[in-house]
Amino acid sequence: MLEIIALIFLTKDVGKLALAKGLKPLTWKIYTVVAWVISEIIGVFIGALIFGTDNLVSVVLIGLTFAITSYFIIKAKLNKLPDFFDNDIDNIGNN
């Protein structure tokens, strides 16, 4: 339950950043959710390979770590994109 609440807040943050970059927020929110779910599944699989299925807490923590890392990767990708300047061409020379 807490994971879903955290994902809601993180997707809102990514949406705001995408809007500031002049991109569609919904697209980047979907990217965040998909990356979160896929990364968590991969993390749980790797955690099960490392710790075995008997150590469930460690497996879940590895999965959650992978999921949170996917959020930071999406956010880093957005931060690398250039900022959006609204009507910048119309304001040339109007200082």
Protein backbone atom coordinates (compact mmCIF):
# COMPACT_ATOMS: atom_id res chain seq x y z
CA MET A 1 0.00 0.00 0.00
CA LEU A 2 2.77 2.44 0.90
CA GLU A 3 4.53 1.54 -2.31
CA ILE A 4 1.50 2.62 -4.36
CA ILE A 5 1.26 5.91 -2.46
CA ALA A 6 4.96 6.54 -3.05
CA LEU A 7 4.55 5.76 -6.75
CA ILE A 8 1.68 8.25 -7.01
CA PHE A 9 3.80 11.04 -5.55
CA LEU A 10 6.81 10.12 -7.67
CA THR A 11 4.76 10.11 -10.88
CA LYS A 12 3.39 13.55 -9.99
CA ASP A 13 6.96 14.77 -9.59
CA VAL A 14 7.96 13.32 -12.96
CA GLY A 15 4.86 14.85 -14.56
CA LYS A 16 5.76 18.32 -13.25
CA LEU A 17 9.31 17.96 -14.52
CA ALA A 18 8.09 16.78 -17.94
CA LEU A 19 5.71 19.72 -18.17
CA ALA A 20 8.54 22.11 -17.32
CA LYS A 21 10.55 20.56 -20.14
CA GLY A 22 7.68 21.04 -22.58
CA LEU A 23 6.84 17.34 -22.84
CA LYS A 24 3.61 15.43 -22.31
CA PRO A 25 3.37 14.59 -18.58
CA LEU A 26 1.12 11.56 -19.08
CA THR A 27 3.68 9.87 -21.32
CA TRP A 28 6.43 10.25 -18.73
CA LYS A 29 4.14 9.16 -15.91
CA ILE A 30 3.39 5.97 -17.85
CA TYR A 31 7.12 5.46 -18.45
CA THR A 32 7.69 5.80 -14.71
CA VAL A 33 5.02 3.28 -13.74
CA VAL A 34 6.10 0.75 -16.37
CA ALA A 35 9.77 1.12 -15.45
CA TRP A 36 8.88 0.77 -11.76
CA VAL A 37 6.92 -2.47 -12.27
CA ILE A 38 9.42 -4.07 -14.65
CA SER A 39 12.39 -3.11 -12.47
CA GLU A 40 10.69 -4.43 -9.37
CA ILE A 41 10.02 -7.78 -11.04
CA ILE A 42 13.63 -7.98 -12.20
CA GLY A 43 14.83 -7.03 -8.72
CA VAL A 44 12.68 -9.69 -7.06
CA PHE A 45 13.99 -12.28 -9.51
CA ILE A 46 17.62 -11.29 -8.84
CA GLY A 47 16.96 -11.15 -5.10
CA ALA A 48 15.53 -14.67 -5.22
CA LEU A 49 18.60 -15.86 -7.10
CA ILE A 50 20.95 -14.27 -4.55
CA PHE A 51 19.13 -14.94 -1.28
CA GLY A 52 16.81 -17.81 -2.18
CA THR A 53 13.09 -17.88 -1.67
CA ASP A 54 13.36 -18.52 2.07
CA ASN A 55 14.62 -15.00 2.82
CA LEU A 56 11.55 -13.09 1.65
CA VAL A 57 12.40 -9.76 3.32
CA SER A 58 15.72 -9.48 1.48
CA VAL A 59 14.11 -10.43 -1.81
CA VAL A 60 11.42 -7.76 -1.44
CA LEU A 61 13.98 -5.13 -0.43
CA ILE A 62 16.08 -5.87 -3.51
CA GLY A 63 12.96 -5.56 -5.67
CA LEU A 64 12.05 -2.24 -4.06
CA THR A 65 15.61 -0.97 -4.52
CA PHE A 66 15.46 -1.76 -8.23
CA ALA A 67 12.07 -0.02 -8.50
CA ILE A 68 13.28 3.16 -6.79
CA THR A 69 16.38 3.16 -8.99
CA SER A 70 14.16 3.11 -12.08
CA TYR A 71 12.49 6.31 -10.86
CA PHE A 72 15.87 8.02 -10.54
CA ILE A 73 16.87 6.85 -14.02
CA ILE A 74 13.67 8.31 -15.53
CA LYS A 75 14.19 11.56 -13.63
CA ALA A 76 17.82 11.78 -14.78
CA LYS A 77 16.72 11.28 -18.38
CA LEU A 78 14.25 14.15 -18.02
CA ASN A 79 16.82 16.40 -16.37
CA LYS A 80 19.19 15.90 -19.31
CA LEU A 81 16.62 17.24 -21.77
CA PRO A 82 16.72 20.96 -22.57
CA ASP A 83 14.34 23.30 -20.81
CA PHE A 84 11.24 24.51 -22.61
CA PHE A 85 11.13 28.23 -23.37
CA ASP A 86 7.59 29.36 -24.09
CA ASN A 87 7.41 31.85 -26.97
CA ASP A 88 11.12 32.52 -26.73
CA ILE A 89 11.36 33.46 -30.42
CA ASP A 90 8.74 36.21 -29.93
CA ASN A 91 10.69 37.82 -27.08
CA ILE A 92 14.03 38.26 -28.84
CA GLY A 93 15.24 41.82 -28.30
CA ASN A 94 12.52 42.73 -25.78
CA ASN A 95 14.73 43.07 -22.71
